[in-house]
PDB file of N, CA and C in Angstrom:
ATOM      1  N   MET A   1       1.201  -1.705  -0.274  1.00  0.00           N
ATOM      2  CA  MET A   1      -0.110   0.101  -0.328  1.00  0.00           C
ATOM      3  C   MET A   1       0.832   1.038  -0.030  1.00  0.00           C
ATOM      4  N   LYS A   2       0.382   2.114  -0.791  1.00  0.00           N
ATOM      5  CA  LYS A   2       0.982   3.784  -0.543  1.00  0.00           C
ATOM      6  C   LYS A   2       0.990   4.042   0.485  1.00  0.00           C
ATOM      7  N   GLY A   3       1.723   5.177   0.923  1.00  0.00           N
ATOM      8  CA  GLY A   3       1.535   6.079   2.446  1.00  0.00           C
ATOM      9  C   GLY A   3       2.198   4.828   3.489  1.00  0.00           C
ATOM     10  N   LYS A   4       1.719   5.390   4.660  1.00  0.00           N
ATOM     11  CA  LYS A   4       2.470   5.524   5.861  1.00  0.00           C
ATOM     12  C   LYS A   4       1.413   4.119   6.609  1.00  0.00           C
ATOM     13  N   THR A   5       2.224   3.231   6.845  1.00  0.00           N
ATOM     14  CA  THR A   5       1.821   1.995   7.993  1.00  0.00           C
ATOM     15  C   THR A   5       2.278   1.875   8.936  1.00  0.00           C
ATOM     16  N   PHE A   6       1.619   1.714   9.927  1.00  0.00           N
ATOM     17  CA  PHE A   6       1.704   1.326  11.593  1.00  0.00           C
ATOM     18  C   PHE A   6       0.981   0.386  12.350  1.00  0.00           C
ATOM     19  N   ILE A   7       1.367   0.031  13.486  1.00  0.00           N
ATOM     20  CA  ILE A   7       1.515  -1.086  13.922  1.00  0.00           C
ATOM     21  C   ILE A   7       1.000  -0.770  14.992  1.00  0.00           C
ATOM     22  N   GLY A   8      -0.917  -1.009  16.012  1.00  0.00           N
ATOM     23  CA  GLY A   8      -0.644  -0.102  17.131  1.00  0.00           C
ATOM     24  C   GLY A   8      -2.095  -0.997  17.917  1.00  0.00           C
ATOM     25  N   LYS A   9      -2.298  -0.487  19.087  1.00  0.00           N
ATOM     26  CA  LYS A   9      -3.517  -0.952  20.261  1.00  0.00           C
ATOM     27  C   LYS A   9      -4.795  -0.274  19.977  1.00  0.00           C
ATOM     28  N   VAL A  10      -5.865  -0.955  19.735  1.00  0.00           N
ATOM     29  CA  VAL A  10      -6.987  -0.851  19.784  1.00  0.00           C
ATOM     30  C   VAL A  10      -7.524  -0.346  21.400  1.00  0.00           C
ATOM     31  N   VAL A  11      -7.583   0.970  21.397  1.00  0.00           N
ATOM     32  CA  VAL A  11      -8.032   1.540  22.491  1.00  0.00           C
ATOM     33  C   VAL A  11      -9.609   2.145  22.724  1.00  0.00           C
ATOM     34  N   SER A  12     -10.576   2.011  21.798  1.00  0.00           N
ATOM     35  CA  SER A  12     -11.995   2.435  21.677  1.00  0.00           C
ATOM     36  C   SER A  12     -12.473   2.130  20.396  1.00  0.00           C
ATOM     37  N   THR A  13     -13.479   1.674  20.768  1.00  0.00           N
ATOM     38  CA  THR A  13     -14.364   0.866  19.773  1.00  0.00           C
ATOM     39  C   THR A  13     -15.953   1.248  20.088  1.00  0.00           C
ATOM     40  N   LYS A  14     -16.077   2.339  20.279  1.00  0.00           N
ATOM     41  CA  LYS A  14     -17.473   2.907  20.984  1.00  0.00           C
ATOM     42  C   LYS A  14     -18.131   3.241  19.571  1.00  0.00           C
ATOM     43  N   MET A  15     -17.669   3.828  18.035  1.00  0.00           N
ATOM     44  CA  MET A  15     -18.122   4.497  17.203  1.00  0.00           C
ATOM     45  C   MET A  15     -18.612   3.595  16.147  1.00  0.00           C
ATOM     46  N   ASN A  16     -19.328   3.597  15.543  1.00  0.00           N
ATOM     47  CA  ASN A  16     -19.789   2.505  14.223  1.00  0.00           C
ATOM     48  C   ASN A  16     -18.801   3.188  13.058  1.00  0.00           C
ATOM     49  N   LYS A  17     -18.137   1.915  12.495  1.00  0.00           N
ATOM     50  CA  LYS A  17     -17.325   1.729  11.576  1.00  0.00           C
ATOM     51  C   LYS A  17     -16.031   2.365  11.919  1.00  0.00           C
ATOM     52  N   THR A  18     -15.628   2.875  13.023  1.00  0.00           N
ATOM     53  CA  THR A  18     -14.597   3.744  13.183  1.00  0.00           C
ATOM     54  C   THR A  18     -14.084   2.602  15.108  1.00  0.00           C
ATOM     55  N   VAL A  19     -12.526   2.759  15.112  1.00  0.00           N
ATOM     56  CA  VAL A  19     -11.937   2.409  15.581  1.00  0.00           C
ATOM     57  C   VAL A  19     -10.939   3.507  16.252  1.00  0.00           C
ATOM     58  N   ILE A  20     -10.271   3.779  17.464  1.00  0.00           N
ATOM     59  CA  ILE A  20      -9.294   4.583  17.681  1.00  0.00           C
ATOM     60  C   ILE A  20      -8.146   3.559  18.056  1.00  0.00           C
ATOM     61  N   VAL A  21      -6.990   4.105  17.378  1.00  0.00           N
ATOM     62  CA  VAL A  21      -5.945   3.117  17.523  1.00  0.00           C
ATOM     63  C   VAL A  21      -4.286   3.924  18.272  1.00  0.00           C
ATOM     64  N   LEU A  22      -3.985   3.613  19.071  1.00  0.00           N
ATOM     65  CA  LEU A  22      -2.819   3.951  19.748  1.00  0.00           C
ATOM     66  C   LEU A  22      -1.721   3.612  19.301  1.00  0.00           C
ATOM     67  N   VAL A  23      -0.990   4.640  18.514  1.00  0.00           N
ATOM     68  CA  VAL A  23       0.659   4.314  18.256  1.00  0.00           C
ATOM     69  C   VAL A  23       1.545   4.739  18.912  1.00  0.00           C
ATOM     70  N   GLU A  24       2.545   3.899  18.931  1.00  0.00           N
ATOM     71  CA  GLU A  24       3.803   4.192  20.220  1.00  0.00           C
ATOM     72  C   GLU A  24       5.085   4.473  19.218  1.00  0.00           C
ATOM     73  N   HIS A  25       5.564   4.849  19.172  1.00  0.00           N
ATOM     74  CA  HIS A  25       6.734   5.291  18.966  1.00  0.00           C
ATOM     75  C   HIS A  25       8.364   6.189  19.641  1.00  0.00           C
ATOM     76  N   SER A  26       9.290   5.606  19.466  1.00  0.00           N
ATOM     77  CA  SER A  26       9.957   5.374  20.623  1.00  0.00           C
ATOM     78  C   SER A  26      11.402   5.912  19.978  1.00  0.00           C
ATOM     79  N   PHE A  27      12.115   6.799  20.476  1.00  0.00           N
ATOM     80  CA  PHE A  27      13.165   7.564  19.670  1.00  0.00           C
ATOM     81  C   PHE A  27      14.093   7.964  20.890  1.00  0.00           C
ATOM     82  N   ALA A  28      15.832   8.201  20.313  1.00  0.00           N
ATOM     83  CA  ALA A  28      16.225   8.544  21.258  1.00  0.00           C
ATOM     84  C   ALA A  28      16.692  10.310  21.255  1.00  0.00           C
ATOM     85  N   HIS A  29      16.314  10.868  22.493  1.00  0.00           N
ATOM     86  CA  HIS A  29      16.644  12.479  22.557  1.00  0.00           C
ATOM     87  C   HIS A  29      17.680  12.730  21.541  1.00  0.00           C
ATOM     88  N   PRO A  30      17.669  13.959  21.209  1.00  0.00           N
ATOM     89  CA  PRO A  30      18.655  14.090  20.035  1.00  0.00           C
ATOM     90  C   PRO A  30      20.031  14.930  20.833  1.00  0.00           C
ATOM     91  N   LEU A  31      20.123  15.190  22.074  1.00  0.00           N
ATOM     92  CA  LEU A  31      20.767  15.860  22.917  1.00  0.00           C
ATOM     93  C   LEU A  31      21.122  14.762  23.732  1.00  0.00           C
ATOM     94  N   TYR A  32      20.364  14.851  24.851  1.00  0.00           N
ATOM     95  CA  TYR A  32      20.523  14.133  25.938  1.00  0.00           C
ATOM     96  C   TYR A  32      21.072  12.096  25.763  1.00  0.00           C
ATOM     97  N   LYS A  33      19.925  12.003  24.575  1.00  0.00           N
ATOM     98  CA  LYS A  33      20.307  10.284  24.326  1.00  0.00           C
ATOM     99  C   LYS A  33      19.685   9.159  25.176  1.00  0.00           C
ATOM    100  N   LYS A  34      18.581  10.136  25.653  1.00  0.00           N
ATOM    101  CA  LYS A  34      17.354   9.236  26.616  1.00  0.00           C
ATOM    102  C   LYS A  34      16.790   8.921  25.738  1.00  0.00           C
ATOM    103  N   ALA A  35      16.178   7.631  26.049  1.00  0.00           N
ATOM    104  CA  ALA A  35      15.406   6.673  25.481  1.00  0.00           C
ATOM    105  C   ALA A  35      13.985   7.410  25.569  1.00  0.00           C
ATOM    106  N   MET A  36      13.018   8.310  24.801  1.00  0.00           N
ATOM    107  CA  MET A  36      11.873   8.499  25.031  1.00  0.00           C
ATOM    108  C   MET A  36      10.744   8.051  24.288  1.00  0.00           C
ATOM    109  N   ARG A  37       9.678   7.966  24.400  1.00  0.00           N
ATOM    110  CA  ARG A  37       8.117   7.589  24.053  1.00  0.00           C
ATOM    111  C   ARG A  37       7.378   8.593  23.589  1.00  0.00           C
ATOM    112  N   ARG A  38       6.612   8.676  22.527  1.00  0.00           N
ATOM    113  CA  ARG A  38       5.941   9.320  22.184  1.00  0.00           C
ATOM    114  C   ARG A  38       3.987   8.617  21.827  1.00  0.00           C
ATOM    115  N   ILE A  39       3.448   8.838  22.024  1.00  0.00           N
ATOM    116  CA  ILE A  39       2.004   8.274  21.891  1.00  0.00           C
ATOM    117  C   ILE A  39       1.066   9.132  20.707  1.00  0.00           C
ATOM    118  N   LYS A  40       0.477   8.996  19.795  1.00  0.00           N
ATOM    119  CA  LYS A  40      -0.344   9.334  18.953  1.00  0.00           C
ATOM    120  C   LYS A  40      -1.873   8.381  18.770  1.00  0.00           C
ATOM    121  N   ARG A  41      -2.938   9.006  18.954  1.00  0.00           N
ATOM    122  CA  ARG A  41      -3.858   8.195  19.061  1.00  0.00           C
ATOM    123  C   ARG A  41      -4.290   8.427  17.283  1.00  0.00           C
ATOM    124  N   TYR A  42      -4.805   7.585  16.373  1.00  0.00           N
ATOM    125  CA  TYR A  42      -5.304   7.862  15.093  1.00  0.00           C
ATOM    126  C   TYR A  42      -6.898   7.264  15.127  1.00  0.00           C
ATOM    127  N   ALA A  43      -7.700   7.818  14.264  1.00  0.00           N
ATOM    128  CA  ALA A  43      -9.016   7.472  14.185  1.00  0.00           C
ATOM    129  C   ALA A  43      -9.122   6.669  12.972  1.00  0.00           C
ATOM    130  N   CYS A  44      -9.515   5.482  12.940  1.00  0.00           N
ATOM    131  CA  CYS A  44      -9.492   4.223  11.782  1.00  0.00           C
ATOM    132  C   CYS A  44     -10.399   3.838  11.227  1.00  0.00           C
ATOM    133  N   HIS A  45     -10.735   4.045  10.036  1.00  0.00           N
ATOM    134  CA  HIS A  45     -12.139   3.185   9.194  1.00  0.00           C
ATOM    135  C   HIS A  45     -12.080   1.321   9.542  1.00  0.00           C
ATOM    136  N   ASN A  46     -13.366   1.385  10.074  1.00  0.00           N
ATOM    137  CA  ASN A  46     -13.212  -0.536  10.311  1.00  0.00           C
ATOM    138  C   ASN A  46     -14.318  -0.607   9.698  1.00  0.00           C
ATOM    139  N   GLU A  47     -14.391  -1.388   8.466  1.00  0.00           N
ATOM    140  CA  GLU A  47     -15.934  -1.698   8.405  1.00  0.00           C
ATOM    141  C   GLU A  47     -16.483  -3.305   8.628  1.00  0.00           C
ATOM    142  N   SER A  48     -15.605  -4.289   8.478  1.00  0.00           N
ATOM    143  CA  SER A  48     -16.197  -5.600   8.957  1.00  0.00           C
ATOM    144  C   SER A  48     -15.647  -6.463  10.101  1.00  0.00           C
ATOM    145  N   LEU A  49     -14.464  -6.343  10.516  1.00  0.00           N
ATOM    146  CA  LEU A  49     -13.148  -6.697  11.338  1.00  0.00           C
ATOM    147  C   LEU A  49     -14.153  -6.662  12.736  1.00  0.00           C
ATOM    148  N   ASP A  50     -13.689  -7.743  13.406  1.00  0.00           N
ATOM    149  CA  ASP A  50     -14.550  -8.335  14.844  1.00  0.00           C
ATOM    150  C   ASP A  50     -13.305  -7.447  15.188  1.00  0.00           C
ATOM    151  N   LEU A  51     -13.177  -6.258  16.315  1.00  0.00           N
ATOM    152  CA  LEU A  51     -12.111  -5.952  17.015  1.00  0.00           C
ATOM    153  C   LEU A  51     -12.340  -5.588  18.375  1.00  0.00           C
ATOM    154  N   LYS A  52     -11.806  -5.642  19.104  1.00  0.00           N
ATOM    155  CA  LYS A  52     -12.307  -5.645  20.750  1.00  0.00           C
ATOM    156  C   LYS A  52     -10.730  -4.659  21.152  1.00  0.00           C
ATOM    157  N   VAL A  53     -11.356  -3.822  22.438  1.00  0.00           N
ATOM    158  CA  VAL A  53     -10.387  -3.144  23.098  1.00  0.00           C
ATOM    159  C   VAL A  53      -9.044  -3.840  23.344  1.00  0.00           C
ATOM    160  N   GLY A  54      -7.743  -3.400  22.928  1.00  0.00           N
ATOM    161  CA  GLY A  54      -6.697  -4.461  23.193  1.00  0.00           C
ATOM    162  C   GLY A  54      -5.885  -5.023  22.318  1.00  0.00           C
ATOM    163  N   ASP A  55      -6.676  -5.454  20.862  1.00  0.00           N
ATOM    164  CA  ASP A  55      -5.923  -5.919  20.138  1.00  0.00           C
ATOM    165  C   ASP A  55      -4.848  -4.935  19.150  1.00  0.00           C
ATOM    166  N   MET A  56      -3.926  -5.792  18.563  1.00  0.00           N
ATOM    167  CA  MET A  56      -3.049  -5.280  18.260  1.00  0.00           C
ATOM    168  C   MET A  56      -3.575  -5.097  16.408  1.00  0.00           C
ATOM    169  N   VAL A  57      -3.484  -4.201  15.933  1.00  0.00           N
ATOM    170  CA  VAL A  57      -4.137  -3.917  14.539  1.00  0.00           C
ATOM    171  C   VAL A  57      -2.836  -3.297  13.682  1.00  0.00           C
ATOM    172  N   SER A  58      -2.903  -3.449  12.749  1.00  0.00           N
ATOM    173  CA  SER A  58      -2.341  -2.758  11.036  1.00  0.00           C
ATOM    174  C   SER A  58      -2.699  -1.556  10.516  1.00  0.00           C
ATOM    175  N   ILE A  59      -2.231  -0.516  10.582  1.00  0.00           N
ATOM    176  CA  ILE A  59      -3.349   0.584   9.787  1.00  0.00           C
ATOM    177  C   ILE A  59      -2.602   1.126   8.772  1.00  0.00           C
ATOM    178  N   ALA A  60      -3.310   1.650   7.394  1.00  0.00           N
ATOM    179  CA  ALA A  60      -2.248   2.352   6.579  1.00  0.00           C
ATOM    180  C   ALA A  60      -2.919   3.714   6.266  1.00  0.00           C
ATOM    181  N   GLU A  61      -2.428   4.740   5.818  1.00  0.00           N
ATOM    182  CA  GLU A  61      -2.792   5.424   5.198  1.00  0.00           C
ATOM    183  C   GLU A  61      -3.735   5.944   4.150  1.00  0.00           C
ATOM    184  N   THR A  62      -4.420   6.464   4.035  1.00  0.00           N
ATOM    185  CA  THR A  62      -5.859   6.171   2.723  1.00  0.00           C
ATOM    186  C   THR A  62      -6.086   8.017   3.058  1.00  0.00           C
ATOM    187  N   LYS A  63      -7.231   8.076   1.687  1.00  0.00           N
ATOM    188  CA  LYS A  63      -7.734   9.468   1.302  1.00  0.00           C
ATOM    189  C   LYS A  63      -8.548   9.439   2.841  1.00  0.00           C
ATOM    190  N   PRO A  64      -8.993  11.113   2.565  1.00  0.00           N
ATOM    191  CA  PRO A  64      -9.676  11.475   4.317  1.00  0.00           C
ATOM    192  C   PRO A  64     -11.326  10.703   3.851  1.00  0.00           C
ATOM    193  N   MET A  65     -11.607  10.386   5.134  1.00  0.00           N
ATOM    194  CA  MET A  65     -12.782   9.963   4.936  1.00  0.00           C
ATOM    195  C   MET A  65     -13.928  10.698   5.535  1.00  0.00           C
ATOM    196  N   SER A  66     -13.293  11.149   6.459  1.00  0.00           N
ATOM    197  CA  SER A  66     -14.282  12.538   7.101  1.00  0.00           C
ATOM    198  C   SER A  66     -13.213  13.401   7.768  1.00  0.00           C
ATOM    199  N   ARG A  67     -13.494  14.136   8.843  1.00  0.00           N
ATOM    200  CA  ARG A  67     -12.754  15.130   8.850  1.00  0.00           C
ATOM    201  C   ARG A  67     -11.502  14.474   9.943  1.00  0.00           C
ATOM    202  N   ARG A  68     -11.497  13.653  10.754  1.00  0.00           N
ATOM    203  CA  ARG A  68     -10.698  13.009  11.424  1.00  0.00           C
ATOM    204  C   ARG A  68      -9.967  11.870  10.906  1.00  0.00           C
ATOM    205  N   LYS A  69     -11.009  11.006  10.261  1.00  0.00           N
ATOM    206  CA  LYS A  69     -10.524   9.854  10.263  1.00  0.00           C
ATOM    207  C   LYS A  69      -9.530   9.681   8.198  1.00  0.00           C
ATOM    208  N   HIS A  70      -8.248   9.452   8.601  1.00  0.00           N
ATOM    209  CA  HIS A  70      -7.715   9.347   7.127  1.00  0.00           C
ATOM    210  C   HIS A  70      -7.066   8.035   7.665  1.00  0.00           C
ATOM    211  N   PHE A  71      -7.381   6.973   8.195  1.00  0.00           N
ATOM    212  CA  PHE A  71      -6.659   5.612   8.119  1.00  0.00           C
ATOM    213  C   PHE A  71      -7.402   4.520   8.231  1.00  0.00           C
ATOM    214  N   VAL A  72      -7.214   3.318   7.753  1.00  0.00           N
ATOM    215  CA  VAL A  72      -8.057   2.136   7.374  1.00  0.00           C
ATOM    216  C   VAL A  72      -7.388   1.046   8.115  1.00  0.00           C
ATOM    217  N   VAL A  73      -8.108   0.378   8.649  1.00  0.00           N
ATOM    218  CA  VAL A  73      -7.294  -1.022   9.822  1.00  0.00           C
ATOM    219  C   VAL A  73      -7.533  -1.870   8.782  1.00  0.00           C
ATOM    220  N   ILE A  74      -6.219  -2.581   8.160  1.00  0.00           N
ATOM    221  CA  ILE A  74      -5.748  -3.483   7.282  1.00  0.00           C
ATOM    222  C   ILE A  74      -6.379  -4.910   7.965  1.00  0.00           C
ATOM    223  N   GLY A  75      -5.543  -5.299   9.052  1.00  0.00           N
ATOM    224  CA  GLY A  75      -5.912  -6.651   9.899  1.00  0.00           C
ATOM    225  C   GLY A  75      -5.464  -6.335  10.886  1.00  0.00           C
ATOM    226  N   LYS A  76      -5.399  -7.814  11.858  1.00  0.00           N
ATOM    227  CA  LYS A  76      -5.032  -8.245  13.454  1.00  0.00           C
ATOM    228  C   LYS A  76      -3.539  -8.493  12.846  1.00  0.00           C
ATOM    229  N   VAL A  77      -2.603  -7.984  13.887  1.00  0.00           N
ATOM    230  CA  VAL A  77      -1.156  -8.236  14.162  1.00  0.00           C
ATOM    231  C   VAL A  77      -1.336  -9.967  15.059  1.00  0.00           C
TER     232      VAL A  77
END
């Protein structure tokens, strides 16, 4: 697929055809070299997969489907 792909954890399934996926990014601080974590929550389109909170999923970037939703769930990991 074109665009960005991430692996993250499902944290909310309360909306119709939409899940919220939390993606964690680890990196070293540029000056102090301390390991740091950054998290981001993505609203992802989920048409038919049976997902529960805590599932690990793979998501990919797609054309915007709504104001906040521009990722789609590819499948469970």
